[in-house]
């Protein structure tokens, strides 16, 4: 059963459509996030890795947060990416997300300096909480060691949750390390774990997980939502296997450009394929491969 008091269920780490001059296309951003919410998503998580957030300026990110809020996309349907290397940037983005009514914020650690100590990372998160100073702040830690270069240790996560139980409320774990996720689920009470991949949706739900936040949910949302709503059924294992195969349709290629090209094709809109460097537009071969893999899995999507 869904807990409607907090973000729960299937969240897409939503893509950021760009204009031809590579500025964010606010109209398409709103339209895409609304489309996701109408096609299987319980919520959206914009301005994360998939949203090319770290290729955007703080002002651009603020404008996207404001556009989504003005469009009525807020509350427990929205977990906004806010993590930056600079403390003040993270604080400014977090303040705006909270003011706009986001149900939570997804916070990368400061990631430029490698191998930071747990004490240093604890200080970073503590400073953000103190400077934002808002009782409704709900932080979801973002663990993505392949991208940032280090793990948020289980010990650090537990320490943060113990120190700020009403503020550090959960995590998106994109490590792909299932034993680690199991450890967090078993050791931390009242902590909301979202795996960063549909692959771990079913096993995490069996241990108290609350959904998933995933890049490929931009495409797989109807199938992920079906599993989420039927995770205790006799067909759940088969649904999970099918969902995991759908996710892998974009393996072996840069998934963000590939998914953007997928939507360019789906909507008949070449501008959807725009990405900011260092990304390059996906090749026709990659798009063809992804579509072939999806077709082989009887994938159906409503592009309207």
Protein backbone atom coordinates (compact mmCIF):
# COMPACT_ATOMS: atom_id res chain seq x y z
CA UNK A 1 0.00 0.00 0.00
CA UNK A 2 1.28 3.46 -0.85
CA UNK A 3 2.09 5.96 1.90
CA UNK A 4 0.62 9.10 0.39
CA UNK A 5 2.20 11.29 3.07
CA UNK A 6 5.65 10.94 1.46
CA UNK A 7 7.03 10.33 -2.04
CA UNK A 8 6.47 6.65 -2.76
CA UNK A 9 6.44 4.36 -5.77
CA UNK A 10 7.80 4.70 -9.28
CA UNK A 11 9.81 7.85 -9.98
CA UNK A 12 11.49 8.70 -13.26
CA UNK A 13 14.83 10.45 -13.05
CA UNK A 14 13.44 12.74 -15.70
CA UNK A 15 15.25 13.89 -18.82
CA UNK A 16 15.82 17.58 -19.59
CA UNK A 17 14.76 18.52 -23.13
CA UNK A 18 16.96 21.21 -24.68
CA UNK A 19 16.44 23.86 -27.34
CA UNK A 20 18.69 23.88 -30.39
CA UNK A 21 20.92 26.43 -28.61
CA UNK A 22 21.18 23.89 -25.75
CA UNK A 23 19.22 25.96 -23.24
CA UNK A 24 16.56 24.08 -21.26
CA UNK A 25 13.22 23.97 -23.07
CA UNK A 26 10.86 24.72 -20.20
CA UNK A 27 7.73 23.93 -22.19
CA UNK A 28 8.97 20.49 -23.16
CA UNK A 29 10.23 19.86 -19.63
CA UNK A 30 6.76 20.50 -18.23
CA UNK A 31 5.11 18.45 -20.97
CA UNK A 32 7.48 15.50 -20.46
CA UNK A 33 7.05 15.44 -16.69
CA UNK A 34 3.28 15.59 -17.07
CA UNK A 35 3.49 12.78 -19.62
CA UNK A 36 5.49 10.67 -17.16
CA UNK A 37 2.89 11.25 -14.45
CA UNK A 38 0.18 10.13 -16.88
CA UNK A 39 2.08 7.05 -18.03
CA UNK A 40 2.87 5.06 -14.91
CA UNK A 41 4.96 7.34 -12.73
CA UNK A 42 3.92 8.15 -9.19
CA UNK A 43 6.40 11.00 -9.27
CA UNK A 44 9.36 12.57 -11.02
CA UNK A 45 12.92 13.31 -9.95
CA UNK A 46 14.20 16.11 -12.20
CA UNK A 47 17.70 17.59 -12.16
CA UNK A 48 19.57 14.43 -11.36
CA UNK A 49 22.20 12.63 -13.40
CA UNK A 50 19.70 11.77 -16.14
CA UNK A 51 18.52 15.38 -16.21
CA UNK A 52 22.07 16.54 -17.04
CA UNK A 53 21.92 18.70 -13.91
CA UNK A 54 25.66 19.09 -13.53
CA UNK A 55 25.82 20.45 -17.07
CA UNK A 56 23.35 23.20 -16.08
CA UNK A 57 23.98 26.44 -14.23
CA UNK A 58 22.34 27.08 -10.88
CA UNK A 59 20.13 29.74 -12.50
CA UNK A 60 18.99 27.25 -15.13
CA UNK A 61 18.21 24.69 -12.46
CA UNK A 62 16.26 27.27 -10.46
CA UNK A 63 14.24 28.18 -13.55
CA UNK A 64 13.34 24.52 -14.06
CA UNK A 65 12.26 24.13 -10.43
CA UNK A 66 10.08 27.24 -10.77
CA UNK A 67 8.57 26.08 -14.07
CA UNK A 68 7.60 22.71 -12.60
CA UNK A 69 6.08 24.35 -9.53
CA UNK A 70 4.12 26.82 -11.67
CA UNK A 71 2.82 23.83 -13.65
CA UNK A 72 1.53 22.23 -10.45
CA UNK A 73 4.16 19.49 -10.35
CA UNK A 74 5.18 19.52 -6.70
CA UNK A 75 4.42 17.91 -3.37
CA UNK A 76 4.96 14.18 -3.10
CA UNK A 77 5.11 13.83 -6.88
CA UNK A 78 8.46 15.67 -6.95
CA UNK A 79 11.90 14.85 -5.58
CA UNK A 80 14.20 17.59 -6.89
CA UNK A 81 17.91 17.13 -7.53
CA UNK A 82 19.90 19.77 -5.66
CA UNK A 83 23.39 18.38 -4.98
CA UNK A 84 26.36 20.52 -6.09
CA UNK A 85 30.04 20.74 -5.27
CA UNK A 86 29.60 24.21 -3.74
CA UNK A 87 27.78 24.32 -0.41
CA UNK A 88 26.05 27.61 -1.22
CA UNK A 89 24.75 26.30 -4.56
CA UNK A 90 23.24 23.27 -2.84
CA UNK A 91 21.69 25.52 -0.19
CA UNK A 92 20.17 27.90 -2.75
CA UNK A 93 18.67 25.08 -4.81
CA UNK A 94 17.37 23.33 -1.70
CA UNK A 95 15.75 26.50 -0.37
CA UNK A 96 13.95 27.01 -3.69
CA UNK A 97 12.79 23.40 -3.86
CA UNK A 98 11.41 23.59 -0.32
CA UNK A 99 9.76 26.96 -0.96
CA UNK A 100 8.14 25.51 -4.08
CA UNK A 101 6.68 22.62 -2.09
CA UNK A 102 8.79 19.71 -3.32
CA UNK A 103 8.11 16.52 -1.41
CA UNK A 104 11.83 15.91 -1.10
CA UNK A 105 15.25 16.79 -2.44
CA UNK A 106 17.80 14.38 -3.87
CA UNK A 107 21.24 15.42 -2.67
CA UNK A 108 24.53 14.27 -4.13
CA UNK A 109 27.49 14.79 -1.82
CA UNK A 110 30.10 17.39 -2.83
CA UNK A 111 31.99 15.27 -5.33
CA UNK A 112 35.00 17.09 -6.78
CA UNK A 113 37.46 16.30 -3.98
CA UNK A 114 38.08 12.57 -3.90
CA UNK A 115 38.00 10.22 -0.93
CA UNK A 116 36.45 12.64 1.56
CA UNK A 117 36.17 11.42 5.13
CA UNK A 118 32.86 10.46 6.68
CA UNK A 119 33.34 13.37 9.09
CA UNK A 120 33.78 15.75 6.16
CA UNK A 121 30.66 14.48 4.42
CA UNK A 122 28.70 14.63 7.67
CA UNK A 123 29.76 18.27 7.99
CA UNK A 124 28.68 18.99 4.41
CA UNK A 125 25.16 17.65 4.92
CA UNK A 126 24.89 19.20 8.39
CA UNK A 127 25.79 22.62 7.00
CA UNK A 128 23.11 22.39 4.33
CA UNK A 129 20.46 21.45 6.89
CA UNK A 130 21.50 24.29 9.22
CA UNK A 131 21.61 26.91 6.45
CA UNK A 132 18.31 25.89 4.87
CA UNK A 133 16.75 25.90 8.34
CA UNK A 134 13.32 24.65 7.33
CA UNK A 135 11.40 22.04 9.30
CA UNK A 136 9.75 20.61 6.19
CA UNK A 137 13.08 19.80 4.50
CA UNK A 138 13.16 16.12 3.47
CA UNK A 139 16.57 14.98 2.16
CA UNK A 140 17.09 11.81 0.16
CA UNK A 141 20.80 11.03 0.00
CA UNK A 142 22.06 10.17 -3.47
CA UNK A 143 24.65 7.40 -3.55
CA UNK A 144 26.23 6.96 -6.97
CA UNK A 145 29.85 5.86 -6.45
CA UNK A 146 30.46 5.10 -10.14
CA UNK A 147 29.78 8.76 -10.91
CA UNK A 148 31.15 10.66 -7.91
CA UNK A 149 34.11 8.40 -7.14
CA UNK A 150 33.20 7.27 -3.62
CA UNK A 151 30.45 5.55 -1.63
CA UNK A 152 28.31 7.04 1.08
CA UNK A 153 29.19 4.39 3.65
CA UNK A 154 26.44 2.56 5.49
CA UNK A 155 27.94 3.90 8.71
CA UNK A 156 27.68 7.50 7.45
CA UNK A 157 24.12 6.99 6.26
CA UNK A 158 23.14 5.60 9.67
CA UNK A 159 24.93 8.45 11.46
CA UNK A 160 23.15 11.10 9.37
CA UNK A 161 19.77 9.46 9.85
CA UNK A 162 20.33 9.15 13.60
CA UNK A 163 21.38 12.80 13.87
CA UNK A 164 18.60 14.16 11.63
CA UNK A 165 15.82 11.53 11.67
CA UNK A 166 13.14 13.96 10.48
CA UNK A 167 15.29 15.47 7.72
CA UNK A 168 17.56 12.74 6.36
CA UNK A 169 14.65 10.47 5.54
CA UNK A 170 15.87 8.21 2.75
CA UNK A 171 18.20 7.49 -0.14
CA UNK A 172 18.43 6.78 -3.81
CA UNK A 173 21.10 4.10 -4.10
CA UNK A 174 22.50 3.81 -7.61
CA UNK A 175 25.49 1.72 -6.57
CA UNK A 176 24.00 -1.48 -7.98
CA UNK A 177 25.28 -3.15 -4.80
CA UNK A 178 22.32 -5.24 -3.64
CA UNK A 179 24.03 -6.62 -0.48
CA UNK A 180 24.67 -3.02 0.58
CA UNK A 181 21.03 -2.07 -0.03
CA UNK A 182 19.89 -5.09 1.98
CA UNK A 183 22.12 -3.98 4.84
CA UNK A 184 20.60 -0.50 4.85
CA UNK A 185 17.07 -1.89 4.72
CA UNK A 186 17.76 -4.26 7.60
CA UNK A 187 19.68 -1.84 9.84
CA UNK A 188 17.87 1.49 9.47
CA UNK A 189 14.30 1.92 10.69
CA UNK A 190 11.96 4.50 9.16
CA UNK A 191 14.41 5.03 6.31
CA UNK A 192 13.04 5.18 2.78
CA UNK A 193 15.24 3.39 0.25
CA UNK A 194 14.73 3.87 -3.48
CA UNK A 195 17.01 1.65 -5.60
CA UNK A 196 18.36 3.51 -8.62
CA UNK A 197 17.41 0.68 -10.96
CA UNK A 198 14.21 -1.20 -11.77
CA UNK A 199 16.30 -4.36 -11.46
CA UNK A 200 16.06 -4.16 -7.66
CA UNK A 201 12.42 -3.07 -7.42
CA UNK A 202 10.88 -6.39 -6.38
CA UNK A 203 13.58 -7.58 -3.96
CA UNK A 204 13.67 -4.18 -2.27
CA UNK A 205 9.89 -4.08 -1.85
CA UNK A 206 10.04 -7.45 -0.09
CA UNK A 207 12.44 -5.92 2.45
CA UNK A 208 10.65 -2.61 2.99
CA UNK A 209 11.84 -0.50 0.08
CA UNK A 210 9.44 2.19 -1.13
CA UNK A 211 9.82 2.13 -4.94
CA UNK A 212 12.57 3.10 -7.34
CA UNK A 213 14.04 6.23 -8.93
CA UNK A 214 15.52 5.31 -12.27
CA UNK A 215 16.68 6.82 -15.54
CA UNK A 216 15.10 4.16 -17.71
CA UNK A 217 11.75 4.64 -15.99
CA UNK A 218 11.41 7.49 -18.50
CA UNK A 219 10.66 4.61 -20.88
CA UNK A 220 9.65 1.65 -18.69
CA UNK A 221 7.27 3.41 -16.28
CA UNK A 222 4.05 1.53 -17.16
CA UNK A 223 5.79 -1.81 -16.61
CA UNK A 224 7.48 -0.68 -13.39
CA UNK A 225 4.19 0.63 -12.05
CA UNK A 226 2.42 -2.64 -12.85
CA UNK A 227 5.03 -4.55 -10.84
CA UNK A 228 4.91 -2.04 -8.00
CA UNK A 229 1.14 -2.44 -7.73
CA UNK A 230 1.31 -6.25 -7.93
CA UNK A 231 4.57 -7.07 -6.16
CA UNK A 232 2.92 -9.69 -3.97
CA UNK A 233 1.24 -11.50 -6.86
CA UNK A 234 2.13 -14.90 -8.32
CA UNK A 235 3.40 -13.23 -11.50
CA UNK A 236 5.69 -10.73 -9.78
CA UNK A 237 8.92 -12.63 -10.52
CA UNK A 238 8.03 -12.86 -14.21
CA UNK A 239 7.15 -9.17 -14.24
CA UNK A 240 10.48 -8.32 -12.60
CA UNK A 241 12.42 -10.38 -15.15
CA UNK A 242 10.63 -8.66 -18.01
CA UNK A 243 11.19 -5.22 -16.48
CA UNK A 244 14.91 -5.89 -16.00
CA UNK A 245 15.21 -6.90 -19.66
CA UNK A 246 13.43 -3.71 -20.76
CA UNK A 247 15.93 -1.64 -18.77
CA UNK A 248 18.81 -3.39 -20.52
CA UNK A 249 17.52 -2.26 -23.93
CA UNK A 250 19.73 0.79 -23.44
CA UNK A 251 22.82 -1.10 -22.24
CA UNK A 252 26.07 -0.78 -24.16
CA UNK A 253 25.35 2.83 -25.13
CA UNK A 254 25.19 6.22 -23.41
CA UNK A 255 21.67 5.96 -21.97
CA UNK A 256 20.84 9.67 -21.75
CA UNK A 257 21.44 10.51 -25.44
CA UNK A 258 19.86 7.18 -26.42
CA UNK A 259 16.68 7.85 -24.46
CA UNK A 260 16.48 11.39 -25.80
CA UNK A 261 16.73 10.03 -29.33
CA UNK A 262 14.04 7.50 -28.43
CA UNK A 263 11.69 10.34 -27.48
CA UNK A 264 12.66 12.33 -30.57
CA UNK A 265 11.52 9.34 -32.59
CA UNK A 266 8.43 8.70 -30.46
CA UNK A 267 7.20 12.30 -30.66
CA UNK A 268 8.45 13.07 -34.17
CA UNK A 269 10.49 15.95 -32.73
CA UNK A 270 14.17 16.04 -33.70
CA UNK A 271 14.90 18.66 -31.04
CA UNK A 272 14.30 16.07 -28.36
CA UNK A 273 17.68 14.53 -29.27
CA UNK A 274 19.61 17.63 -28.16
CA UNK A 275 22.16 17.03 -25.40
CA UNK A 276 24.80 19.24 -23.81
CA UNK A 277 28.46 18.41 -24.30
CA UNK A 278 30.29 16.34 -23.33
CA UNK A 279 27.37 14.18 -24.45
CA UNK A 280 26.86 13.72 -28.17
CA UNK A 281 23.61 12.86 -29.89
CA UNK A 282 22.96 9.13 -30.08
CA UNK A 283 23.78 7.44 -33.36
CA UNK A 284 21.07 6.03 -35.59
CA UNK A 285 22.59 2.61 -34.93
CA UNK A 286 22.10 2.98 -31.17
CA UNK A 287 18.50 4.08 -31.58
CA UNK A 288 17.83 1.19 -33.93
CA UNK A 289 19.38 -1.27 -31.46
CA UNK A 290 17.34 0.03 -28.53
CA UNK A 291 14.09 -0.06 -30.50
CA UNK A 292 14.82 -3.58 -31.76
CA UNK A 293 15.49 -4.82 -28.21
CA UNK A 294 12.26 -3.23 -26.96
CA UNK A 295 10.26 -4.67 -29.85
CA UNK A 296 11.61 -8.14 -29.08
CA UNK A 297 10.18 -7.74 -25.56
CA UNK A 298 6.72 -6.73 -26.87
CA UNK A 299 7.19 -3.23 -25.49
CA UNK A 300 4.27 -0.84 -26.02
CA UNK A 301 4.27 2.87 -25.15
CA UNK A 302 1.73 5.67 -25.58
CA UNK A 303 3.49 8.65 -27.11
CA UNK A 304 0.50 10.98 -26.99
